[in-house]
Amino acid sequence: SVIVKEFKEVKDGIVAHLHQQREQVRAREFAATLRATANIQVLSQDITPPANATEFSRVLATVNGARITSADVEENLKGLIYEVQQQVYEFRKTELDLKINDILLEAEAKKRGVTARNVIDQEVTAKLTIVSEAQAEKFYNENKNRLNGDFPRLKNQIMQFLQQQEEKKQLLAFAERLRGGAQLQIFLTRPQSPVFKIAIDDQPSQGNPNAKGIVVL
């Protein structure tokens, strides 16, 4: 469905977007001016992640004699890299869970001598609670500040959404029952959170400067 909003509802967002665009243009122009007057040497075009401790000291470029090493680049990218690694992990975990569930479902169907679809019909579809109009209206009243339209117009969409959520809940519950009777070994691990170097010299502080622990806000 297409959501239509009045200009006054999106005005602030549009102004902020245009302001950000102008800032980006000015920043690029200023950076180009600085580069034009500097002696820049890019010493490595192959900027790959450091494979060992030695590669952290690789000099990637010099700016007026000042060296930029691989360690400098990696330190600034730690947070972003970790965020991407987390997203990739979640994608992999989702796919792994689906594959595990598929294997367990096929094994259960084989044990019963029926198809996987028959098992789903018996264990999920047959146990579904049909969403009522009252439940849909309750959902609408609890979320109407985030919805665009009145209840009569959105009723069918809400009921369909709630029914899908109910089916998903039943599927997950059945998958957990199958997993409970299986021998599972999962070797996929979450990425480790990076350790950040934070300079605290000449920064305002409170408390004992010789304390064993320091909290940076």
C-alpha atoms as a PDB file:
ATOM      1  CA  SER A   1       0.000   0.000   0.000  1.00  0.00           C
ATOM      2  CA  VAL A   2       1.097   3.581  -0.677  1.00  0.00           C
ATOM      3  CA  ILE A   3       1.419   5.870   2.342  1.00  0.00           C
ATOM      4  CA  VAL A   4       0.654   9.511   1.539  1.00  0.00           C
ATOM      5  CA  LYS A   5       1.754  12.243   3.948  1.00  0.00           C
ATOM      6  CA  GLU A   6       1.202  15.980   3.921  1.00  0.00           C
ATOM      7  CA  PHE A   7       4.172  18.281   3.325  1.00  0.00           C
ATOM      8  CA  LYS A   8       4.102  19.614   6.893  1.00  0.00           C
ATOM      9  CA  GLU A   9       4.637  16.065   8.171  1.00  0.00           C
ATOM     10  CA  VAL A  10       7.813  15.550   6.151  1.00  0.00           C
ATOM     11  CA  LYS A  11       9.088  19.141   5.941  1.00  0.00           C
ATOM     12  CA  ASP A  12      11.629  18.827   8.772  1.00  0.00           C
ATOM     13  CA  GLY A  13      13.051  15.627   7.297  1.00  0.00           C
ATOM     14  CA  ILE A  14      13.416  17.199   3.846  1.00  0.00           C
ATOM     15  CA  VAL A  15      15.131  20.299   5.275  1.00  0.00           C
ATOM     16  CA  ALA A  16      17.535  18.143   7.299  1.00  0.00           C
ATOM     17  CA  HIS A  17      18.318  16.022   4.222  1.00  0.00           C
ATOM     18  CA  LEU A  18      19.051  19.078   2.043  1.00  0.00           C
ATOM     19  CA  HIS A  19      21.197  20.600   4.800  1.00  0.00           C
ATOM     20  CA  GLN A  20      23.179  17.377   5.088  1.00  0.00           C
ATOM     21  CA  GLN A  21      23.686  17.284   1.319  1.00  0.00           C
ATOM     22  CA  ARG A  22      25.056  20.845   1.321  1.00  0.00           C
ATOM     23  CA  GLU A  23      27.406  20.000   4.191  1.00  0.00           C
ATOM     24  CA  GLN A  24      28.723  16.989   2.282  1.00  0.00           C
ATOM     25  CA  VAL A  25      29.360  19.106  -0.822  1.00  0.00           C
ATOM     26  CA  ARG A  26      31.196  21.764   1.218  1.00  0.00           C
ATOM     27  CA  ALA A  27      33.233  19.097   2.998  1.00  0.00           C
ATOM     28  CA  ARG A  28      34.317  17.545  -0.313  1.00  0.00           C
ATOM     29  CA  GLU A  29      35.256  20.953  -1.701  1.00  0.00           C
ATOM     30  CA  PHE A  30      37.274  21.797   1.417  1.00  0.00           C
ATOM     31  CA  ALA A  31      39.022  18.410   1.343  1.00  0.00           C
ATOM     32  CA  ALA A  32      39.932  18.923  -2.327  1.00  0.00           C
ATOM     33  CA  THR A  33      41.435  22.323  -1.473  1.00  0.00           C
ATOM     34  CA  LEU A  34      43.569  20.833   1.291  1.00  0.00           C
ATOM     35  CA  ARG A  35      44.751  17.979  -0.914  1.00  0.00           C
ATOM     36  CA  ALA A  36      45.754  20.371  -3.682  1.00  0.00           C
ATOM     37  CA  THR A  37      48.283  22.058  -1.396  1.00  0.00           C
ATOM     38  CA  ALA A  38      49.605  18.917   0.307  1.00  0.00           C
ATOM     39  CA  ASN A  39      52.274  16.395  -0.636  1.00  0.00           C
ATOM     40  CA  ILE A  40      50.348  13.120  -0.580  1.00  0.00           C
ATOM     41  CA  GLN A  41      51.843   9.753  -1.469  1.00  0.00           C
ATOM     42  CA  VAL A  42      49.677   6.638  -1.502  1.00  0.00           C
ATOM     43  CA  LEU A  43      52.125   3.793  -0.955  1.00  0.00           C
ATOM     44  CA  SER A  44      49.705   0.868  -1.078  1.00  0.00           C
ATOM     45  CA  GLN A  45      46.744   0.370  -3.395  1.00  0.00           C
ATOM     46  CA  ASP A  46      46.044  -3.069  -1.928  1.00  0.00           C
ATOM     47  CA  ILE A  47      44.452  -2.026   1.388  1.00  0.00           C
ATOM     48  CA  THR A  48      43.532  -5.433   2.738  1.00  0.00           C
ATOM     49  CA  PRO A  49      42.789  -6.260   6.407  1.00  0.00           C
ATOM     50  CA  PRO A  50      46.010  -6.917   8.373  1.00  0.00           C
ATOM     51  CA  ALA A  51      46.663 -10.652   8.458  1.00  0.00           C
ATOM     52  CA  ASN A  52      49.077 -10.469  11.409  1.00  0.00           C
ATOM     53  CA  ALA A  53      50.598  -8.071  13.948  1.00  0.00           C
ATOM     54  CA  THR A  54      53.391  -7.060  11.572  1.00  0.00           C
ATOM     55  CA  GLU A  55      50.979  -5.861   8.898  1.00  0.00           C
ATOM     56  CA  PHE A  56      49.441  -3.346  11.308  1.00  0.00           C
ATOM     57  CA  SER A  57      52.598  -1.259  10.863  1.00  0.00           C
ATOM     58  CA  ARG A  58      52.250  -1.108   7.059  1.00  0.00           C
ATOM     59  CA  VAL A  59      52.493   2.452   5.808  1.00  0.00           C
ATOM     60  CA  LEU A  60      49.555   3.010   3.466  1.00  0.00           C
ATOM     61  CA  ALA A  61      50.168   6.686   2.696  1.00  0.00           C
ATOM     62  CA  THR A  62      52.089   9.792   3.756  1.00  0.00           C
ATOM     63  CA  VAL A  63      50.739  13.330   4.035  1.00  0.00           C
ATOM     64  CA  ASN A  64      53.464  15.979   4.168  1.00  0.00           C
ATOM     65  CA  GLY A  65      55.733  13.351   5.653  1.00  0.00           C
ATOM     66  CA  ALA A  66      53.235  12.134   8.282  1.00  0.00           C
ATOM     67  CA  ARG A  67      52.619   8.399   7.982  1.00  0.00           C
ATOM     68  CA  ILE A  68      49.211   6.730   7.919  1.00  0.00           C
ATOM     69  CA  THR A  69      49.535   3.086   8.892  1.00  0.00           C
ATOM     70  CA  SER A  70      47.202   0.153   8.599  1.00  0.00           C
ATOM     71  CA  ALA A  71      46.710   0.357  12.371  1.00  0.00           C
ATOM     72  CA  ASP A  72      45.421   3.936  12.042  1.00  0.00           C
ATOM     73  CA  VAL A  73      42.807   2.862   9.523  1.00  0.00           C
ATOM     74  CA  GLU A  74      41.748  -0.270  11.417  1.00  0.00           C
ATOM     75  CA  GLU A  75      41.337   1.609  14.704  1.00  0.00           C
ATOM     76  CA  ASN A  76      38.859   4.028  13.135  1.00  0.00           C
ATOM     77  CA  LEU A  77      36.949   1.202  11.456  1.00  0.00           C
ATOM     78  CA  LYS A  78      36.607  -1.068  14.498  1.00  0.00           C
ATOM     79  CA  GLY A  79      33.070  -0.038  15.352  1.00  0.00           C
ATOM     80  CA  LEU A  80      31.806  -0.216  11.772  1.00  0.00           C
ATOM     81  CA  ILE A  81      33.485  -3.565  11.092  1.00  0.00           C
ATOM     82  CA  TYR A  82      31.997  -5.032  14.277  1.00  0.00           C
ATOM     83  CA  GLU A  83      28.542  -3.783  13.321  1.00  0.00           C
ATOM     84  CA  VAL A  84      28.819  -5.407   9.876  1.00  0.00           C
ATOM     85  CA  GLN A  85      30.152  -8.628  11.421  1.00  0.00           C
ATOM     86  CA  GLN A  86      27.144  -8.694  13.734  1.00  0.00           C
ATOM     87  CA  GLN A  87      24.775  -8.328  10.792  1.00  0.00           C
ATOM     88  CA  VAL A  88      26.541 -11.083   8.842  1.00  0.00           C
ATOM     89  CA  TYR A  89      26.407 -13.319  11.914  1.00  0.00           C
ATOM     90  CA  GLU A  90      22.651 -12.783  12.221  1.00  0.00           C
ATOM     91  CA  PHE A  91      22.167 -13.669   8.525  1.00  0.00           C
ATOM     92  CA  ARG A  92      24.238 -16.831   8.946  1.00  0.00           C
ATOM     93  CA  LYS A  93      22.431 -17.808  12.155  1.00  0.00           C
ATOM     94  CA  THR A  94      19.043 -17.380  10.496  1.00  0.00           C
ATOM     95  CA  GLU A  95      20.075 -19.564   7.553  1.00  0.00           C
ATOM     96  CA  LEU A  96      21.618 -22.133   9.885  1.00  0.00           C
ATOM     97  CA  ASP A  97      18.455 -22.306  12.002  1.00  0.00           C
ATOM     98  CA  LEU A  98      16.314 -22.782   8.892  1.00  0.00           C
ATOM     99  CA  LYS A  99      18.560 -25.599   7.673  1.00  0.00           C
ATOM    100  CA  ILE A 100      18.469 -27.301  11.079  1.00  0.00           C
ATOM    101  CA  ASN A 101      14.682 -27.020  11.186  1.00  0.00           C
ATOM    102  CA  ASP A 102      14.362 -28.427   7.660  1.00  0.00           C
ATOM    103  CA  ILE A 103      16.499 -31.467   8.536  1.00  0.00           C
ATOM    104  CA  LEU A 104      14.549 -32.121  11.736  1.00  0.00           C
ATOM    105  CA  LEU A 105      11.213 -31.693   9.936  1.00  0.00           C
ATOM    106  CA  GLU A 106      12.175 -34.155   7.204  1.00  0.00           C
ATOM    107  CA  ALA A 107      13.339 -36.658   9.821  1.00  0.00           C
ATOM    108  CA  GLU A 108      10.040 -36.278  11.738  1.00  0.00           C
ATOM    109  CA  ALA A 109       8.032 -36.739   8.529  1.00  0.00           C
ATOM    110  CA  LYS A 110      10.010 -39.874   7.655  1.00  0.00           C
ATOM    111  CA  LYS A 111       9.428 -41.285  11.153  1.00  0.00           C
ATOM    112  CA  ARG A 112       5.669 -40.730  10.790  1.00  0.00           C
ATOM    113  CA  GLY A 113       5.575 -41.999   7.223  1.00  0.00           C
ATOM    114  CA  VAL A 114       4.020 -38.796   5.905  1.00  0.00           C
ATOM    115  CA  THR A 115       5.179 -35.690   4.042  1.00  0.00           C
ATOM    116  CA  ALA A 116       6.704 -32.628   5.697  1.00  0.00           C
ATOM    117  CA  ARG A 117       3.579 -30.691   4.667  1.00  0.00           C
ATOM    118  CA  ASN A 118       1.408 -33.207   6.532  1.00  0.00           C
ATOM    119  CA  VAL A 119       3.469 -32.711   9.683  1.00  0.00           C
ATOM    120  CA  ILE A 120       3.109 -28.920   9.459  1.00  0.00           C
ATOM    121  CA  ASP A 121      -0.650 -29.284   8.938  1.00  0.00           C
ATOM    122  CA  GLN A 122      -0.945 -31.517  12.018  1.00  0.00           C
ATOM    123  CA  GLU A 123       1.404 -29.656  14.359  1.00  0.00           C
ATOM    124  CA  VAL A 124       0.990 -26.046  13.244  1.00  0.00           C
ATOM    125  CA  THR A 125      -1.998 -25.340  10.983  1.00  0.00           C
ATOM    126  CA  ALA A 126      -4.425 -27.416  13.018  1.00  0.00           C
ATOM    127  CA  LYS A 127      -3.400 -25.633  16.220  1.00  0.00           C
ATOM    128  CA  LEU A 128      -3.675 -22.095  14.901  1.00  0.00           C
ATOM    129  CA  THR A 129      -5.956 -19.706  16.748  1.00  0.00           C
ATOM    130  CA  ILE A 130      -8.030 -17.659  14.320  1.00  0.00           C
ATOM    131  CA  VAL A 131      -7.515 -13.937  14.913  1.00  0.00           C
ATOM    132  CA  SER A 132     -10.732 -12.135  15.765  1.00  0.00           C
ATOM    133  CA  GLU A 133     -11.851  -8.665  14.772  1.00  0.00           C
ATOM    134  CA  ALA A 134     -11.689  -7.685  18.459  1.00  0.00           C
ATOM    135  CA  GLN A 135      -8.010  -8.650  18.589  1.00  0.00           C
ATOM    136  CA  ALA A 136      -7.351  -6.641  15.447  1.00  0.00           C
ATOM    137  CA  GLU A 137      -9.112  -3.598  16.902  1.00  0.00           C
ATOM    138  CA  LYS A 138      -7.121  -3.926  20.128  1.00  0.00           C
ATOM    139  CA  PHE A 139      -3.898  -3.997  18.105  1.00  0.00           C
ATOM    140  CA  TYR A 140      -5.047  -0.946  16.156  1.00  0.00           C
ATOM    141  CA  ASN A 141      -5.857   1.036  19.303  1.00  0.00           C
ATOM    142  CA  GLU A 142      -2.461   0.196  20.809  1.00  0.00           C
ATOM    143  CA  ASN A 143      -0.567   1.197  17.662  1.00  0.00           C
ATOM    144  CA  LYS A 144      -2.725   3.782  15.889  1.00  0.00           C
ATOM    145  CA  ASN A 145      -0.146   6.535  16.419  1.00  0.00           C
ATOM    146  CA  ARG A 146       2.151   4.597  14.085  1.00  0.00           C
ATOM    147  CA  LEU A 147      -0.493   3.580  11.564  1.00  0.00           C
ATOM    148  CA  ASN A 148      -1.788   5.591   8.629  1.00  0.00           C
ATOM    149  CA  GLY A 149      -5.526   5.166   8.337  1.00  0.00           C
ATOM    150  CA  ASP A 150      -8.616   4.324  10.357  1.00  0.00           C
ATOM    151  CA  PHE A 151      -9.510   0.860  11.625  1.00  0.00           C
ATOM    152  CA  PRO A 152     -12.139  -0.071   8.987  1.00  0.00           C
ATOM    153  CA  ARG A 153      -9.630   0.578   6.212  1.00  0.00           C
ATOM    154  CA  LEU A 154      -6.787  -1.280   7.934  1.00  0.00           C
ATOM    155  CA  LYS A 155      -8.775  -4.103   9.542  1.00  0.00           C
ATOM    156  CA  ASN A 156      -8.032  -6.799   6.947  1.00  0.00           C
ATOM    157  CA  GLN A 157      -4.336  -5.957   6.794  1.00  0.00           C
ATOM    158  CA  ILE A 158      -4.062  -6.062  10.580  1.00  0.00           C
ATOM    159  CA  MET A 159      -5.894  -9.395  10.814  1.00  0.00           C
ATOM    160  CA  GLN A 160      -3.644 -10.878   8.138  1.00  0.00           C
ATOM    161  CA  PHE A 161      -0.545  -9.601   9.946  1.00  0.00           C
ATOM    162  CA  LEU A 162      -1.684 -10.987  13.317  1.00  0.00           C
ATOM    163  CA  GLN A 163      -2.537 -14.345  11.722  1.00  0.00           C
ATOM    164  CA  GLN A 164       0.932 -14.533  10.206  1.00  0.00           C
ATOM    165  CA  GLN A 165       2.427 -13.746  13.621  1.00  0.00           C
ATOM    166  CA  GLU A 166       0.351 -16.515  15.186  1.00  0.00           C
ATOM    167  CA  GLU A 167       1.527 -18.993  12.551  1.00  0.00           C
ATOM    168  CA  LYS A 168       5.131 -17.942  13.089  1.00  0.00           C
ATOM    169  CA  LYS A 169       4.751 -18.446  16.845  1.00  0.00           C
ATOM    170  CA  GLN A 170       3.379 -21.952  16.341  1.00  0.00           C
ATOM    171  CA  LEU A 171       6.154 -22.819  13.865  1.00  0.00           C
ATOM    172  CA  LEU A 172       8.823 -21.673  16.308  1.00  0.00           C
ATOM    173  CA  ALA A 173       7.214 -23.628  19.136  1.00  0.00           C
ATOM    174  CA  PHE A 174       7.128 -26.795  17.010  1.00  0.00           C
ATOM    175  CA  ALA A 175      10.742 -26.271  15.936  1.00  0.00           C
ATOM    176  CA  GLU A 176      11.742 -25.994  19.608  1.00  0.00           C
ATOM    177  CA  ARG A 177       9.976 -29.281  20.348  1.00  0.00           C
ATOM    178  CA  LEU A 178      11.863 -30.977  17.518  1.00  0.00           C
ATOM    179  CA  ARG A 179      15.155 -29.505  18.715  1.00  0.00           C
ATOM    180  CA  GLY A 180      14.446 -30.687  22.245  1.00  0.00           C
ATOM    181  CA  GLY A 181      14.571 -34.297  21.083  1.00  0.00           C
ATOM    182  CA  ALA A 182      17.604 -33.925  18.808  1.00  0.00           C
ATOM    183  CA  GLN A 183      21.339 -33.997  19.354  1.00  0.00           C
ATOM    184  CA  LEU A 184      22.555 -30.585  18.184  1.00  0.00           C
ATOM    185  CA  GLN A 185      26.049 -29.166  18.057  1.00  0.00           C
ATOM    186  CA  ILE A 186      26.244 -25.576  16.839  1.00  0.00           C
ATOM    187  CA  PHE A 187      29.718 -24.194  16.184  1.00  0.00           C
ATOM    188  CA  LEU A 188      28.726 -20.801  14.792  1.00  0.00           C
ATOM    189  CA  THR A 189      29.902 -18.117  17.251  1.00  0.00           C
ATOM    190  CA  ARG A 190      29.193 -14.424  17.622  1.00  0.00           C
ATOM    191  CA  PRO A 191      31.948 -11.965  16.631  1.00  0.00           C
ATOM    192  CA  GLN A 192      33.907 -10.620  19.575  1.00  0.00           C
ATOM    193  CA  SER A 193      33.353  -7.018  20.566  1.00  0.00           C
ATOM    194  CA  PRO A 194      36.438  -4.882  19.772  1.00  0.00           C
ATOM    195  CA  VAL A 195      38.491  -3.055  22.383  1.00  0.00           C
ATOM    196  CA  PHE A 196      38.658   0.677  21.680  1.00  0.00           C
ATOM    197  CA  LYS A 197      41.549   2.965  22.520  1.00  0.00           C
ATOM    198  CA  ILE A 198      40.129   6.124  24.079  1.00  0.00           C
ATOM    199  CA  ALA A 199      42.384   9.075  24.852  1.00  0.00           C
ATOM    200  CA  ILE A 200      41.516  10.639  28.221  1.00  0.00           C
ATOM    201  CA  ASP A 201      44.426  13.058  28.569  1.00  0.00           C
ATOM    202  CA  ASP A 202      43.351  16.638  29.318  1.00  0.00           C
ATOM    203  CA  GLN A 203      39.705  15.569  29.536  1.00  0.00           C
ATOM    204  CA  PRO A 204      37.394  16.747  32.365  1.00  0.00           C
ATOM    205  CA  SER A 205      37.037  14.088  35.061  1.00  0.00           C
ATOM    206  CA  GLN A 206      35.562  13.399  38.467  1.00  0.00           C
ATOM    207  CA  GLY A 207      36.778  11.207  41.318  1.00  0.00           C
ATOM    208  CA  ASN A 208      40.111   9.624  42.170  1.00  0.00           C
ATOM    209  CA  PRO A 209      42.533   9.919  39.209  1.00  0.00           C
ATOM    210  CA  ASN A 210      44.420   6.833  40.507  1.00  0.00           C
ATOM    211  CA  ALA A 211      41.373   4.570  40.631  1.00  0.00           C
ATOM    212  CA  LYS A 212      41.782   1.056  39.177  1.00  0.00           C
ATOM    213  CA  GLY A 213      38.761   1.448  36.935  1.00  0.00           C
ATOM    214  CA  ILE A 214      37.748   4.346  34.699  1.00  0.00           C
ATOM    215  CA  VAL A 215      34.298   4.896  33.219  1.00  0.00           C
ATOM    216  CA  VAL A 216      34.268   6.983  30.015  1.00  0.00           C
ATOM    217  CA  LEU A 217      30.976   8.711  29.213  1.00  0.00           C
END
